[in-house]
C-alpha cells in the first residue's frame, strides 16, 4: 500500500497546486533566511561563506521561477479540465434530449 502512495503522490490537480503553494512558501522563507545569513557573513568578513550563500540564493531564485511556471501550468490544466468536463456534460444533455 505504501508503494502505491509513493507512485501517485497527488490525487488531483488541486492537490498538486496545493503542494506547489507550500513549496513556494518554503522557498520564500529559505530566501529570506539566506539573505540574512549572507548579510551576516559579509559583515563578519566570511567571503567564502557569503559567496556560497549568494549561490544558494541564486539557485532558489531559479527554483522559484520554475515553481511559478508550474503553478501557472497547473492552473491552465485545471481550466482545460473544466472546459472539457463542461463540454462533455453539454454533449450528454444534447444526446439525452434527442
N, C-alpha and C. Protein backbone atom coordinates (compact mmCIF):
# COMPACT_ATOMS: atom_id res chain seq x y z
N UNK A 1 0.83 -1.19 0.00
CA UNK A 1 0.00 0.00 0.00
C UNK A 1 0.87 1.25 0.00
N UNK A 2 1.98 1.22 0.70
CA UNK A 2 2.89 2.37 0.74
C UNK A 2 3.47 2.64 -0.64
N UNK A 3 3.78 1.58 -1.39
CA UNK A 3 4.32 1.75 -2.74
C UNK A 3 3.35 2.48 -3.65
N UNK A 4 2.06 2.17 -3.53
CA UNK A 4 1.05 2.84 -4.36
C UNK A 4 0.98 4.32 -4.02
N UNK A 5 1.12 4.65 -2.74
CA UNK A 5 1.09 6.06 -2.33
C UNK A 5 2.30 6.81 -2.87
N UNK A 6 3.43 6.15 -2.95
CA UNK A 6 4.63 6.79 -3.48
C UNK A 6 4.54 6.98 -4.99
N UNK A 7 3.87 6.08 -5.68
CA UNK A 7 3.76 6.19 -7.12
C UNK A 7 2.83 7.32 -7.54
N UNK A 8 1.78 7.61 -6.75
CA UNK A 8 0.83 8.66 -7.08
C UNK A 8 0.68 9.61 -5.89
N UNK A 9 1.64 10.54 -5.73
CA UNK A 9 1.59 11.42 -4.57
C UNK A 9 0.45 12.44 -4.63
N UNK A 10 -0.11 12.71 -5.81
CA UNK A 10 -1.16 13.70 -5.95
C UNK A 10 -2.42 13.03 -6.49
N UNK A 11 -3.51 13.22 -5.78
CA UNK A 11 -4.77 12.65 -6.21
C UNK A 11 -5.45 13.49 -7.28
N UNK A 12 -5.08 14.76 -7.35
CA UNK A 12 -5.77 15.66 -8.27
C UNK A 12 -4.86 16.83 -8.62
N UNK A 13 -5.30 17.60 -9.60
CA UNK A 13 -4.58 18.81 -9.95
C UNK A 13 -4.57 19.76 -8.76
N UNK A 14 -5.68 19.80 -8.03
CA UNK A 14 -5.77 20.70 -6.87
C UNK A 14 -4.74 20.34 -5.80
N UNK A 15 -4.51 19.05 -5.57
CA UNK A 15 -3.51 18.68 -4.56
C UNK A 15 -2.10 19.03 -5.04
N UNK A 16 -1.86 18.94 -6.34
CA UNK A 16 -0.56 19.34 -6.89
C UNK A 16 -0.38 20.85 -6.74
N UNK A 17 -1.45 21.60 -6.97
CA UNK A 17 -1.39 23.06 -6.80
C UNK A 17 -1.10 23.40 -5.35
N UNK A 18 -1.76 22.72 -4.44
CA UNK A 18 -1.52 22.96 -3.01
C UNK A 18 -0.06 22.68 -2.64
N UNK A 19 0.48 21.58 -3.18
CA UNK A 19 1.89 21.27 -2.94
C UNK A 19 2.79 22.38 -3.45
N UNK A 20 2.51 22.87 -4.66
CA UNK A 20 3.33 23.94 -5.23
C UNK A 20 3.22 25.22 -4.39
N UNK A 21 2.04 25.48 -3.83
CA UNK A 21 1.88 26.65 -2.96
C UNK A 21 2.73 26.51 -1.70
N UNK A 22 2.72 25.33 -1.10
CA UNK A 22 3.55 25.08 0.09
C UNK A 22 5.03 25.20 -0.26
N UNK A 23 5.41 24.64 -1.40
CA UNK A 23 6.80 24.73 -1.85
C UNK A 23 7.21 26.19 -2.07
N UNK A 24 6.33 26.98 -2.66
CA UNK A 24 6.63 28.39 -2.89
C UNK A 24 6.84 29.13 -1.57
N UNK A 25 6.02 28.85 -0.58
CA UNK A 25 6.18 29.48 0.73
C UNK A 25 7.51 29.07 1.38
N UNK A 26 7.85 27.80 1.26
CA UNK A 26 9.10 27.30 1.83
C UNK A 26 10.30 27.95 1.17
N UNK A 27 10.26 28.09 -0.14
CA UNK A 27 11.36 28.73 -0.88
C UNK A 27 11.48 30.19 -0.46
N UNK A 28 10.36 30.86 -0.31
CA UNK A 28 10.38 32.26 0.13
C UNK A 28 11.02 32.40 1.51
N UNK A 29 10.65 31.52 2.42
CA UNK A 29 11.26 31.54 3.76
C UNK A 29 12.76 31.29 3.69
N UNK A 30 13.15 30.32 2.87
CA UNK A 30 14.57 30.00 2.73
C UNK A 30 15.34 31.17 2.13
N UNK A 31 14.74 31.85 1.17
CA UNK A 31 15.41 33.01 0.55
C UNK A 31 15.63 34.11 1.58
N UNK A 32 14.64 34.33 2.43
CA UNK A 32 14.79 35.34 3.49
C UNK A 32 15.93 34.96 4.44
N UNK A 33 15.95 33.68 4.84
CA UNK A 33 16.99 33.21 5.75
C UNK A 33 18.38 33.34 5.13
N UNK A 34 18.49 32.98 3.86
CA UNK A 34 19.78 33.08 3.18
C UNK A 34 20.22 34.53 3.05
N UNK A 35 19.29 35.42 2.78
CA UNK A 35 19.64 36.84 2.68
C UNK A 35 20.21 37.34 4.01
N UNK A 36 19.53 36.99 5.09
CA UNK A 36 20.01 37.38 6.42
C UNK A 36 21.38 36.78 6.71
N UNK A 37 21.55 35.49 6.42
CA UNK A 37 22.82 34.81 6.69
C UNK A 37 23.95 35.39 5.85
N UNK A 38 23.64 35.75 4.61
CA UNK A 38 24.67 36.34 3.74
C UNK A 38 25.11 37.70 4.26
N UNK A 39 24.15 38.49 4.69
CA UNK A 39 24.49 39.80 5.27
C UNK A 39 25.40 39.64 6.49
N UNK A 40 25.11 38.67 7.32
CA UNK A 40 25.95 38.42 8.49
C UNK A 40 27.35 37.96 8.08
N UNK A 41 27.43 37.10 7.08
CA UNK A 41 28.72 36.61 6.61
C UNK A 41 29.55 37.75 6.04
N UNK A 42 28.93 38.64 5.29
CA UNK A 42 29.65 39.79 4.72
C UNK A 42 30.13 40.69 5.85
N UNK A 43 29.26 40.94 6.81
CA UNK A 43 29.63 41.80 7.94
C UNK A 43 30.79 41.20 8.75
N UNK A 44 30.81 39.86 8.87
CA UNK A 44 31.85 39.18 9.64
C UNK A 44 33.10 38.88 8.83
N UNK A 45 33.12 39.28 7.56
CA UNK A 45 34.29 39.08 6.72
C UNK A 45 34.46 37.66 6.21
N UNK A 46 33.42 36.88 6.21
CA UNK A 46 33.49 35.49 5.74
C UNK A 46 33.10 35.45 4.25
N UNK A 47 34.07 35.79 3.42
CA UNK A 47 33.79 35.94 1.99
C UNK A 47 33.36 34.64 1.31
N UNK A 48 34.04 33.54 1.65
CA UNK A 48 33.69 32.27 1.01
C UNK A 48 32.27 31.85 1.39
N UNK A 49 31.94 32.03 2.66
CA UNK A 49 30.58 31.70 3.11
C UNK A 49 29.55 32.62 2.42
N UNK A 50 29.89 33.88 2.31
CA UNK A 50 28.98 34.83 1.65
C UNK A 50 28.76 34.44 0.19
N UNK A 51 29.82 34.02 -0.49
CA UNK A 51 29.69 33.60 -1.89
C UNK A 51 28.84 32.34 -2.01
N UNK A 52 29.04 31.40 -1.10
CA UNK A 52 28.23 30.17 -1.13
C UNK A 52 26.76 30.48 -0.88
N UNK A 53 26.51 31.38 0.05
CA UNK A 53 25.12 31.77 0.33
C UNK A 53 24.51 32.52 -0.85
N UNK A 54 25.31 33.31 -1.54
CA UNK A 54 24.83 34.01 -2.73
C UNK A 54 24.47 33.02 -3.83
N UNK A 55 25.28 31.98 -3.99
CA UNK A 55 24.97 30.95 -4.97
C UNK A 55 23.67 30.23 -4.60
N UNK A 56 23.50 29.93 -3.33
CA UNK A 56 22.26 29.30 -2.87
C UNK A 56 21.06 30.20 -3.14
N UNK A 57 21.23 31.51 -2.92
CA UNK A 57 20.15 32.45 -3.21
C UNK A 57 19.80 32.41 -4.70
N UNK A 58 20.80 32.37 -5.54
CA UNK A 58 20.59 32.32 -6.99
C UNK A 58 19.82 31.06 -7.38
N UNK A 59 20.22 29.92 -6.82
CA UNK A 59 19.56 28.65 -7.14
C UNK A 59 18.11 28.66 -6.67
N UNK A 60 17.85 29.25 -5.52
CA UNK A 60 16.48 29.35 -5.04
C UNK A 60 15.64 30.28 -5.92
N UNK A 61 16.29 31.31 -6.44
CA UNK A 61 15.58 32.22 -7.35
C UNK A 61 15.17 31.47 -8.61
N UNK A 62 16.05 30.64 -9.14
CA UNK A 62 15.74 29.82 -10.31
C UNK A 62 14.60 28.84 -9.97
N UNK A 63 14.70 28.19 -8.82
CA UNK A 63 13.65 27.27 -8.39
C UNK A 63 12.32 27.99 -8.29
N UNK A 64 12.33 29.20 -7.76
CA UNK A 64 11.11 29.99 -7.63
C UNK A 64 10.48 30.26 -9.00
N UNK A 65 11.31 30.50 -10.00
CA UNK A 65 10.79 30.70 -11.37
C UNK A 65 10.11 29.42 -11.88
N UNK A 66 10.72 28.28 -11.63
CA UNK A 66 10.13 27.01 -12.05
C UNK A 66 8.81 26.76 -11.32
N UNK A 67 8.77 27.10 -10.05
CA UNK A 67 7.54 26.93 -9.28
C UNK A 67 6.43 27.80 -9.86
N UNK A 68 6.76 29.05 -10.17
CA UNK A 68 5.77 29.96 -10.75
C UNK A 68 5.23 29.40 -12.05
N UNK A 69 6.13 28.92 -12.92
CA UNK A 69 5.70 28.36 -14.20
C UNK A 69 4.86 27.10 -14.01
N UNK A 70 5.24 26.28 -13.05
CA UNK A 70 4.50 25.05 -12.79
C UNK A 70 3.11 25.35 -12.25
N UNK A 71 3.01 26.34 -11.38
CA UNK A 71 1.70 26.71 -10.86
C UNK A 71 0.80 27.23 -11.97
N UNK A 72 1.36 28.00 -12.86
CA UNK A 72 0.59 28.52 -13.98
C UNK A 72 0.13 27.38 -14.90
N UNK A 73 1.02 26.42 -15.15
CA UNK A 73 0.66 25.27 -15.99
C UNK A 73 -0.44 24.44 -15.33
N UNK A 74 -0.35 24.25 -14.02
CA UNK A 74 -1.39 23.51 -13.31
C UNK A 74 -2.73 24.23 -13.37
N UNK A 75 -2.69 25.54 -13.23
CA UNK A 75 -3.94 26.31 -13.35
C UNK A 75 -4.53 26.18 -14.75
N UNK A 76 -3.67 26.21 -15.75
CA UNK A 76 -4.15 26.03 -17.13
C UNK A 76 -4.79 24.65 -17.29
N UNK A 77 -4.14 23.62 -16.74
CA UNK A 77 -4.70 22.27 -16.83
C UNK A 77 -6.05 22.17 -16.13
N UNK A 78 -6.16 22.84 -15.00
CA UNK A 78 -7.43 22.84 -14.27
C UNK A 78 -8.52 23.51 -15.12
N UNK A 79 -8.17 24.60 -15.77
CA UNK A 79 -9.13 25.29 -16.64
C UNK A 79 -9.53 24.42 -17.82
N UNK A 80 -8.56 23.80 -18.44
CA UNK A 80 -8.84 22.92 -19.59
C UNK A 80 -9.72 21.75 -19.16
N UNK A 81 -9.42 21.17 -18.00
CA UNK A 81 -10.25 20.08 -17.49
C UNK A 81 -11.69 20.55 -17.31
N UNK A 82 -11.87 21.74 -16.75
CA UNK A 82 -13.21 22.28 -16.56
C UNK A 82 -13.93 22.48 -17.87
N UNK A 83 -13.22 22.97 -18.87
CA UNK A 83 -13.83 23.16 -20.20
C UNK A 83 -14.23 21.83 -20.82
N UNK A 84 -13.35 20.84 -20.69
CA UNK A 84 -13.64 19.52 -21.26
C UNK A 84 -14.82 18.86 -20.55
N UNK A 85 -14.87 18.96 -19.25
CA UNK A 85 -15.98 18.37 -18.50
C UNK A 85 -17.29 19.07 -18.84
N UNK A 86 -17.25 20.38 -18.95
CA UNK A 86 -18.44 21.14 -19.29
C UNK A 86 -18.92 20.77 -20.69
N UNK A 87 -17.98 20.63 -21.62
CA UNK A 87 -18.33 20.25 -22.99
C UNK A 87 -18.94 18.86 -23.01
N UNK A 88 -18.39 17.95 -22.25
CA UNK A 88 -18.92 16.59 -22.20
C UNK A 88 -20.33 16.58 -21.62
N UNK A 89 -20.55 17.38 -20.59
CA UNK A 89 -21.88 17.45 -19.98
C UNK A 89 -22.90 18.00 -20.97
N UNK A 90 -22.50 19.02 -21.74
CA UNK A 90 -23.41 19.59 -22.75
C UNK A 90 -23.73 18.56 -23.82
N UNK A 91 -22.73 17.80 -24.25
CA UNK A 91 -22.93 16.77 -25.26
C UNK A 91 -23.87 15.68 -24.73
N UNK A 92 -23.68 15.29 -23.50
CA UNK A 92 -24.54 14.28 -22.89
C UNK A 92 -25.98 14.78 -22.79
N UNK A 93 -26.16 16.06 -22.47
CA UNK A 93 -27.51 16.63 -22.39
C UNK A 93 -28.19 16.64 -23.75
N UNK A 94 -27.44 17.02 -24.78
CA UNK A 94 -27.98 17.05 -26.14
C UNK A 94 -28.38 15.64 -26.57
N UNK A 95 -27.52 14.67 -26.30
CA UNK A 95 -27.83 13.29 -26.67
C UNK A 95 -29.04 12.76 -25.91
N UNK A 96 -29.17 13.16 -24.66
CA UNK A 96 -30.30 12.70 -23.84
C UNK A 96 -31.61 13.32 -24.32
N UNK A 97 -31.54 14.54 -24.87
CA UNK A 97 -32.74 15.23 -25.33
C UNK A 97 -33.22 14.72 -26.68
N UNK A 98 -32.37 14.04 -27.44
CA UNK A 98 -32.77 13.57 -28.77
C UNK A 98 -33.33 12.18 -28.72
